[in-house]
């Protein structure tokens, strides 16, 4: 593995979230394509991208800054699935999968932040 982020479990899990969100949004209505579909996909991608961007060649302080961006994007994903649920466009199963995975990512990012701040 050439890049530091590839070894991070939290990055690997966030990549799974991106795939799950992408597969789930394929079933969203067409009128949501440039609204909720776009928003949740960008938020999920942002989790992965911020973890990767912050991990390489920077100080712990800088990495923590990017992890906090990733954390906010992760929370945005959760808010988006609540909107999708309210609009009856996400299955209960997919809602629960994304919610659970987002919860796990939240805990992983928070733990990594805490560890980096204590180094």
N, C-alpha and C. Protein backbone atom coordinates (compact mmCIF):
# COMPACT_ATOMS: atom_id res chain seq x y z
N UNK A 1 0.84 -1.18 0.00
CA UNK A 1 0.00 0.00 0.00
C UNK A 1 0.88 1.24 0.00
N UNK A 2 0.70 2.05 -0.99
CA UNK A 2 1.56 3.22 -1.18
C UNK A 2 1.15 4.42 -0.34
N UNK A 3 -0.11 4.50 0.05
CA UNK A 3 -0.60 5.66 0.77
C UNK A 3 -1.01 5.29 2.19
N UNK A 4 -0.69 6.17 3.13
CA UNK A 4 -0.99 5.93 4.54
C UNK A 4 -2.48 5.65 4.79
N UNK A 5 -3.35 6.41 4.12
CA UNK A 5 -4.79 6.27 4.37
C UNK A 5 -5.32 4.89 4.03
N UNK A 6 -4.69 4.19 3.10
CA UNK A 6 -5.16 2.87 2.70
C UNK A 6 -5.12 1.87 3.86
N UNK A 7 -4.24 2.13 4.83
CA UNK A 7 -4.08 1.24 5.97
C UNK A 7 -5.05 1.56 7.11
N UNK A 8 -5.71 2.70 7.03
CA UNK A 8 -6.62 3.11 8.10
C UNK A 8 -7.96 2.40 7.99
N UNK A 9 -8.34 1.70 9.05
CA UNK A 9 -9.63 0.99 9.05
C UNK A 9 -10.79 1.95 8.84
N UNK A 10 -10.68 3.15 9.39
CA UNK A 10 -11.76 4.13 9.24
C UNK A 10 -11.91 4.55 7.78
N UNK A 11 -10.81 4.66 7.06
CA UNK A 11 -10.91 4.99 5.64
C UNK A 11 -11.55 3.84 4.86
N UNK A 12 -11.14 2.61 5.18
CA UNK A 12 -11.71 1.43 4.52
C UNK A 12 -13.22 1.35 4.77
N UNK A 13 -13.63 1.62 6.01
CA UNK A 13 -15.06 1.59 6.35
C UNK A 13 -15.80 2.73 5.64
N UNK A 14 -15.18 3.88 5.53
CA UNK A 14 -15.84 5.00 4.84
C UNK A 14 -15.99 4.71 3.35
N UNK A 15 -15.06 3.96 2.79
CA UNK A 15 -15.18 3.55 1.39
C UNK A 15 -16.37 2.61 1.21
N UNK A 16 -16.59 1.74 2.19
CA UNK A 16 -17.78 0.87 2.17
C UNK A 16 -19.06 1.72 2.24
N UNK A 17 -19.04 2.76 3.06
CA UNK A 17 -20.20 3.64 3.17
C UNK A 17 -20.50 4.31 1.83
N UNK A 18 -19.46 4.77 1.16
CA UNK A 18 -19.64 5.40 -0.15
C UNK A 18 -20.31 4.44 -1.13
N UNK A 19 -19.88 3.20 -1.13
CA UNK A 19 -20.48 2.20 -2.02
C UNK A 19 -21.93 1.93 -1.66
N UNK A 20 -22.20 1.81 -0.36
CA UNK A 20 -23.57 1.56 0.09
C UNK A 20 -24.49 2.72 -0.28
N UNK A 21 -24.03 3.93 -0.07
CA UNK A 21 -24.83 5.11 -0.42
C UNK A 21 -25.06 5.15 -1.93
N UNK A 22 -24.03 4.90 -2.70
CA UNK A 22 -24.17 4.92 -4.16
C UNK A 22 -25.19 3.89 -4.63
N UNK A 23 -25.10 2.68 -4.09
CA UNK A 23 -26.05 1.63 -4.49
C UNK A 23 -27.47 1.96 -4.04
N UNK A 24 -27.61 2.56 -2.88
CA UNK A 24 -28.93 2.91 -2.36
C UNK A 24 -29.57 4.02 -3.19
N UNK A 25 -28.80 5.01 -3.58
CA UNK A 25 -29.37 6.15 -4.30
C UNK A 25 -29.76 5.82 -5.74
N UNK A 26 -29.32 4.68 -6.23
CA UNK A 26 -29.73 4.26 -7.58
C UNK A 26 -31.25 4.08 -7.66
N UNK A 27 -31.87 3.88 -6.50
CA UNK A 27 -33.32 3.65 -6.45
C UNK A 27 -34.10 4.89 -6.04
N UNK A 28 -33.41 6.00 -5.83
CA UNK A 28 -34.10 7.25 -5.51
C UNK A 28 -34.82 7.75 -6.77
N UNK A 29 -35.92 8.47 -6.61
CA UNK A 29 -36.63 8.99 -7.78
C UNK A 29 -35.78 9.98 -8.58
N UNK A 30 -36.07 10.06 -9.86
CA UNK A 30 -35.31 10.94 -10.75
C UNK A 30 -35.40 12.41 -10.34
N UNK A 31 -36.52 12.80 -9.75
CA UNK A 31 -36.65 14.22 -9.35
C UNK A 31 -35.76 14.57 -8.16
N UNK A 32 -35.12 13.57 -7.55
CA UNK A 32 -34.18 13.81 -6.46
C UNK A 32 -32.72 13.79 -6.94
N UNK A 33 -32.52 13.54 -8.23
CA UNK A 33 -31.17 13.36 -8.77
C UNK A 33 -30.24 14.54 -8.45
N UNK A 34 -30.71 15.75 -8.65
CA UNK A 34 -29.86 16.93 -8.43
C UNK A 34 -30.11 17.57 -7.07
N UNK A 35 -30.84 16.87 -6.23
CA UNK A 35 -31.14 17.39 -4.90
C UNK A 35 -30.56 16.41 -3.88
N UNK A 36 -31.38 15.56 -3.33
CA UNK A 36 -30.96 14.68 -2.25
C UNK A 36 -29.94 13.63 -2.70
N UNK A 37 -30.13 13.07 -3.87
CA UNK A 37 -29.19 12.05 -4.36
C UNK A 37 -27.79 12.62 -4.45
N UNK A 38 -27.68 13.77 -5.07
CA UNK A 38 -26.39 14.42 -5.22
C UNK A 38 -25.79 14.78 -3.86
N UNK A 39 -26.61 15.29 -2.98
CA UNK A 39 -26.14 15.74 -1.66
C UNK A 39 -25.58 14.59 -0.83
N UNK A 40 -26.32 13.50 -0.76
CA UNK A 40 -25.86 12.37 0.08
C UNK A 40 -24.63 11.71 -0.52
N UNK A 41 -24.56 11.63 -1.84
CA UNK A 41 -23.39 11.02 -2.47
C UNK A 41 -22.15 11.88 -2.23
N UNK A 42 -22.29 13.20 -2.35
CA UNK A 42 -21.16 14.09 -2.10
C UNK A 42 -20.72 14.02 -0.64
N UNK A 43 -21.69 13.95 0.28
CA UNK A 43 -21.36 13.87 1.70
C UNK A 43 -20.60 12.57 2.01
N UNK A 44 -21.09 11.45 1.48
CA UNK A 44 -20.43 10.16 1.73
C UNK A 44 -19.02 10.16 1.13
N UNK A 45 -18.89 10.67 -0.08
CA UNK A 45 -17.57 10.75 -0.71
C UNK A 45 -16.64 11.64 0.10
N UNK A 46 -17.17 12.71 0.65
CA UNK A 46 -16.38 13.66 1.42
C UNK A 46 -15.78 13.03 2.68
N UNK A 47 -16.48 12.09 3.28
CA UNK A 47 -15.92 11.40 4.44
C UNK A 47 -14.61 10.72 4.02
N UNK A 48 -14.69 9.94 2.98
CA UNK A 48 -13.53 9.20 2.49
C UNK A 48 -12.41 10.14 2.03
N UNK A 49 -12.78 11.15 1.28
CA UNK A 49 -11.78 12.06 0.72
C UNK A 49 -11.06 12.88 1.79
N UNK A 50 -11.78 13.33 2.80
CA UNK A 50 -11.14 14.11 3.86
C UNK A 50 -10.21 13.28 4.72
N UNK A 51 -10.58 12.03 4.97
CA UNK A 51 -9.68 11.15 5.72
C UNK A 51 -8.39 10.95 4.92
N UNK A 52 -8.52 10.69 3.65
CA UNK A 52 -7.35 10.48 2.80
C UNK A 52 -6.49 11.74 2.72
N UNK A 53 -7.12 12.86 2.45
CA UNK A 53 -6.38 14.10 2.27
C UNK A 53 -5.62 14.50 3.53
N UNK A 54 -6.24 14.33 4.67
CA UNK A 54 -5.60 14.74 5.91
C UNK A 54 -4.52 13.81 6.41
N UNK A 55 -4.49 12.60 5.92
CA UNK A 55 -3.62 11.57 6.49
C UNK A 55 -2.17 11.63 6.04
N UNK A 56 -1.91 12.22 4.92
CA UNK A 56 -0.59 12.07 4.31
C UNK A 56 0.25 13.34 4.40
N UNK A 57 1.40 13.18 5.00
CA UNK A 57 2.41 14.22 4.99
C UNK A 57 2.09 15.47 5.78
N UNK A 58 1.21 15.36 6.75
CA UNK A 58 0.85 16.53 7.52
C UNK A 58 0.99 16.25 9.01
N UNK A 59 0.91 17.30 9.78
CA UNK A 59 1.00 17.16 11.23
C UNK A 59 -0.28 16.52 11.77
N UNK A 60 -0.20 16.02 12.99
CA UNK A 60 -1.40 15.47 13.64
C UNK A 60 -2.49 16.53 13.74
N UNK A 61 -2.08 17.75 14.05
CA UNK A 61 -3.06 18.85 14.17
C UNK A 61 -3.82 19.06 12.85
N UNK A 62 -3.09 19.02 11.76
CA UNK A 62 -3.72 19.20 10.44
C UNK A 62 -4.60 18.00 10.10
N UNK A 63 -4.16 16.81 10.43
CA UNK A 63 -4.94 15.60 10.19
C UNK A 63 -6.25 15.66 10.98
N UNK A 64 -6.17 16.10 12.22
CA UNK A 64 -7.37 16.22 13.05
C UNK A 64 -8.37 17.18 12.41
N UNK A 65 -7.87 18.26 11.83
CA UNK A 65 -8.75 19.22 11.14
C UNK A 65 -9.54 18.52 10.03
N UNK A 66 -8.87 17.72 9.24
CA UNK A 66 -9.54 17.00 8.15
C UNK A 66 -10.47 15.91 8.68
N UNK A 67 -10.08 15.28 9.78
CA UNK A 67 -10.96 14.27 10.39
C UNK A 67 -12.26 14.92 10.88
N UNK A 68 -12.16 16.13 11.37
CA UNK A 68 -13.38 16.84 11.80
C UNK A 68 -14.28 17.17 10.61
N UNK A 69 -13.67 17.50 9.47
CA UNK A 69 -14.47 17.69 8.26
C UNK A 69 -15.18 16.39 7.89
N UNK A 70 -14.43 15.29 7.97
CA UNK A 70 -15.00 13.98 7.65
C UNK A 70 -16.15 13.64 8.60
N UNK A 71 -15.97 13.98 9.86
CA UNK A 71 -17.01 13.74 10.87
C UNK A 71 -18.29 14.51 10.52
N UNK A 72 -18.13 15.76 10.14
CA UNK A 72 -19.30 16.57 9.76
C UNK A 72 -20.00 15.99 8.53
N UNK A 73 -19.21 15.54 7.57
CA UNK A 73 -19.80 14.94 6.37
C UNK A 73 -20.54 13.66 6.70
N UNK A 74 -19.99 12.89 7.62
CA UNK A 74 -20.64 11.66 8.06
C UNK A 74 -22.00 11.98 8.69
N UNK A 75 -22.05 13.01 9.50
CA UNK A 75 -23.31 13.43 10.12
C UNK A 75 -24.29 13.93 9.06
N UNK A 76 -23.76 14.56 8.03
CA UNK A 76 -24.61 15.01 6.92
C UNK A 76 -25.26 13.82 6.21
N UNK A 77 -24.51 12.73 6.05
CA UNK A 77 -25.07 11.51 5.46
C UNK A 77 -26.27 11.05 6.28
N UNK A 78 -26.11 11.04 7.60
CA UNK A 78 -27.20 10.60 8.47
C UNK A 78 -28.41 11.52 8.32
N UNK A 79 -28.18 12.80 8.28
CA UNK A 79 -29.30 13.73 8.11
C UNK A 79 -30.00 13.49 6.77
N UNK A 80 -29.23 13.22 5.74
CA UNK A 80 -29.81 12.94 4.42
C UNK A 80 -30.69 11.70 4.43
N UNK A 81 -30.28 10.67 5.15
CA UNK A 81 -31.13 9.47 5.16
C UNK A 81 -32.41 9.70 5.95
N UNK A 82 -32.35 10.59 6.94
CA UNK A 82 -33.59 10.96 7.62
C UNK A 82 -34.54 11.70 6.69
N UNK A 83 -33.99 12.56 5.85
CA UNK A 83 -34.81 13.25 4.85
C UNK A 83 -35.39 12.23 3.88
N UNK A 84 -34.56 11.30 3.42
CA UNK A 84 -35.03 10.26 2.50
C UNK A 84 -36.13 9.42 3.14
N UNK A 85 -35.97 9.13 4.42
CA UNK A 85 -36.99 8.38 5.15
C UNK A 85 -38.29 9.17 5.23
N UNK A 86 -38.17 10.45 5.51
CA UNK A 86 -39.34 11.33 5.60
C UNK A 86 -40.08 11.41 4.26
N UNK A 87 -39.32 11.35 3.18
CA UNK A 87 -39.90 11.41 1.83
C UNK A 87 -40.29 10.04 1.29
N UNK A 88 -40.14 9.00 2.11
CA UNK A 88 -40.47 7.63 1.72
C UNK A 88 -39.71 7.15 0.48
N UNK A 89 -38.42 7.46 0.43
CA UNK A 89 -37.64 7.04 -0.74
C UNK A 89 -36.45 6.14 -0.38
N UNK A 90 -36.37 5.72 0.87
CA UNK A 90 -35.32 4.79 1.28
C UNK A 90 -35.98 3.64 2.03
N UNK A 91 -35.50 2.46 1.76
CA UNK A 91 -36.05 1.30 2.47
C UNK A 91 -35.59 1.33 3.92
N UNK A 92 -36.35 0.70 4.77
CA UNK A 92 -35.99 0.61 6.19
C UNK A 92 -34.64 -0.10 6.33
N UNK A 93 -34.43 -1.14 5.54
CA UNK A 93 -33.19 -1.90 5.59
C UNK A 93 -31.98 -1.04 5.23
N UNK A 94 -32.08 -0.28 4.14
CA UNK A 94 -30.97 0.57 3.74
C UNK A 94 -30.76 1.72 4.72
N UNK A 95 -31.85 2.27 5.25
CA UNK A 95 -31.73 3.31 6.27
C UNK A 95 -30.92 2.77 7.44
N UNK A 96 -31.28 1.61 7.92
CA UNK A 96 -30.61 1.02 9.08
C UNK A 96 -29.15 0.68 8.80
N UNK A 97 -28.87 0.19 7.60
CA UNK A 97 -27.49 -0.13 7.23
C UNK A 97 -26.62 1.12 7.21
N UNK A 98 -27.12 2.16 6.55
CA UNK A 98 -26.34 3.40 6.45
C UNK A 98 -26.20 4.04 7.82
N UNK A 99 -27.27 4.04 8.60
CA UNK A 99 -27.23 4.63 9.93
C UNK A 99 -26.20 3.90 10.81
N UNK A 100 -26.25 2.59 10.80
CA UNK A 100 -25.33 1.78 11.61
C UNK A 100 -23.89 1.99 11.18
N UNK A 101 -23.64 1.99 9.89
CA UNK A 101 -22.29 2.18 9.39
C UNK A 101 -21.79 3.59 9.74
N UNK A 102 -22.66 4.57 9.64
CA UNK A 102 -22.29 5.94 9.98
C UNK A 102 -21.97 6.08 11.47
N UNK A 103 -22.73 5.37 12.30
CA UNK A 103 -22.46 5.35 13.73
C UNK A 103 -21.07 4.77 14.02
N UNK A 104 -20.76 3.69 13.33
CA UNK A 104 -19.46 3.05 13.51
C UNK A 104 -18.33 3.98 13.06
N UNK A 105 -18.53 4.64 11.94
CA UNK A 105 -17.53 5.58 11.43
C UNK A 105 -17.36 6.76 12.38
N UNK A 106 -18.45 7.25 12.92
CA UNK A 106 -18.40 8.34 13.90
C UNK A 106 -17.51 7.95 15.08
N UNK A 107 -17.72 6.76 15.60
CA UNK A 107 -16.91 6.28 16.73
C UNK A 107 -15.45 6.13 16.34
N UNK A 108 -15.19 5.63 15.16
CA UNK A 108 -13.81 5.42 14.70
C UNK A 108 -13.09 6.75 14.50
N UNK A 109 -13.76 7.71 13.87
CA UNK A 109 -13.14 9.02 13.66
C UNK A 109 -12.89 9.70 15.01
N UNK A 110 -13.87 9.64 15.89
CA UNK A 110 -13.72 10.27 17.22
C UNK A 110 -12.55 9.67 17.98
N UNK A 111 -12.41 8.35 17.93
CA UNK A 111 -11.30 7.69 18.61
C UNK A 111 -9.96 8.08 18.01
N UNK A 112 -9.92 8.18 16.68
CA UNK A 112 -8.67 8.57 16.02
C UNK A 112 -8.31 10.01 16.37
N UNK A 113 -9.28 10.89 16.39
CA UNK A 113 -9.03 12.28 16.79
C UNK A 113 -8.44 12.33 18.19
N UNK A 114 -9.08 11.61 19.10
CA UNK A 114 -8.62 11.60 20.50
C UNK A 114 -7.19 11.08 20.61
N UNK A 115 -6.89 10.02 19.86
CA UNK A 115 -5.54 9.45 19.89
C UNK A 115 -4.52 10.44 19.35
N UNK A 116 -4.84 11.08 18.24
CA UNK A 116 -3.91 12.03 17.62
C UNK A 116 -3.70 13.26 18.50
N UNK A 117 -4.73 13.70 19.17
CA UNK A 117 -4.62 14.86 20.05
C UNK A 117 -3.78 14.55 21.29
N UNK A 118 -3.69 13.29 21.66
CA UNK A 118 -2.93 12.89 22.84
C UNK A 118 -1.49 12.49 22.53
N UNK A 119 -1.13 12.49 21.27
CA UNK A 119 0.26 12.13 20.89
C UNK A 119 1.17 13.32 21.04
